[in-house]
Amino acid sequence: MQKIHEGRNVKRFREMLGIKQEALAFELGDEWNQKKISLLEAKESIDTPLLSQISAASKYP
């Protein structure tokens, strides 16, 4: 079974929703920036609480 690359999926959903990395970083809060979003999207695995936070920030249920 192939491992799901969560960062790549975050990028796909973000792009499908038409959200720029800068906009997602803004929604996630002060400690986030475009560079951190880029690094996050390169990660194979992302902590579940952070995935929930990204989902909420991108207004995606």
Protein backbone atom coordinates (compact mmCIF):
# COMPACT_ATOMS: atom_id res chain seq x y z
CA MET A 1 0.00 0.00 0.00
CA GLN A 2 1.32 3.41 -0.97
CA LYS A 3 1.91 5.98 1.78
CA ILE A 4 -0.15 9.16 1.52
CA HIS A 5 2.05 12.23 1.13
CA GLU A 6 0.10 14.62 3.35
CA GLY A 7 2.08 17.73 2.44
CA ARG A 8 1.45 17.19 -1.25
CA ASN A 9 -2.26 16.76 -0.51
CA VAL A 10 -2.32 20.01 1.46
CA LYS A 11 -0.78 21.72 -1.57
CA ARG A 12 -3.31 20.13 -3.95
CA PHE A 13 -6.29 21.21 -1.84
CA ARG A 14 -4.86 24.69 -1.33
CA GLU A 15 -4.38 25.11 -5.08
CA MET A 16 -7.85 23.69 -5.87
CA LEU A 17 -9.34 26.24 -3.48
CA GLY A 18 -7.29 29.02 -5.09
CA ILE A 19 -5.49 29.90 -1.84
CA LYS A 20 -1.94 31.21 -2.02
CA GLN A 21 0.70 30.04 0.46
CA GLU A 22 0.86 33.57 1.90
CA ALA A 23 -2.91 33.61 2.50
CA LEU A 24 -2.86 30.22 4.23
CA ALA A 25 0.06 31.37 6.40
CA PHE A 26 -1.90 34.48 7.36
CA GLU A 27 -4.92 32.38 8.35
CA LEU A 28 -2.77 30.04 10.46
CA GLY A 29 -1.38 32.88 12.56
CA ASP A 30 1.63 35.05 13.34
CA GLU A 31 4.16 32.23 13.59
CA TRP A 32 3.47 31.16 9.98
CA ASN A 33 4.87 32.56 6.74
CA GLN A 34 5.07 31.52 3.07
CA LYS A 35 8.38 29.72 3.60
CA LYS A 36 6.95 27.59 6.45
CA ILE A 37 3.95 26.63 4.30
CA SER A 38 6.32 25.63 1.50
CA LEU A 39 8.33 23.44 3.91
CA LEU A 40 5.11 21.97 5.32
CA GLU A 41 3.93 21.00 1.83
CA ALA A 42 7.18 19.08 1.31
CA LYS A 43 6.60 16.92 4.42
CA GLU A 44 5.33 13.39 3.92
CA SER A 45 3.61 13.32 7.30
CA ILE A 46 1.86 16.16 9.16
CA ASP A 47 0.56 16.00 12.74
CA THR A 48 -3.21 15.49 12.91
CA PRO A 49 -3.88 18.61 15.04
CA LEU A 50 -2.01 20.72 12.46
CA LEU A 51 -3.98 19.12 9.61
CA SER A 52 -7.18 20.08 11.44
CA GLN A 53 -5.89 23.62 11.87
CA ILE A 54 -5.05 23.85 8.15
CA SER A 55 -8.49 22.52 7.26
CA ALA A 56 -10.18 25.14 9.45
CA ALA A 57 -7.91 27.93 8.16
CA SER A 58 -8.66 27.06 4.54
CA LYS A 59 -12.41 26.98 5.32
CA TYR A 60 -12.53 23.40 4.09
CA PRO A 61 -14.70 21.04 6.16
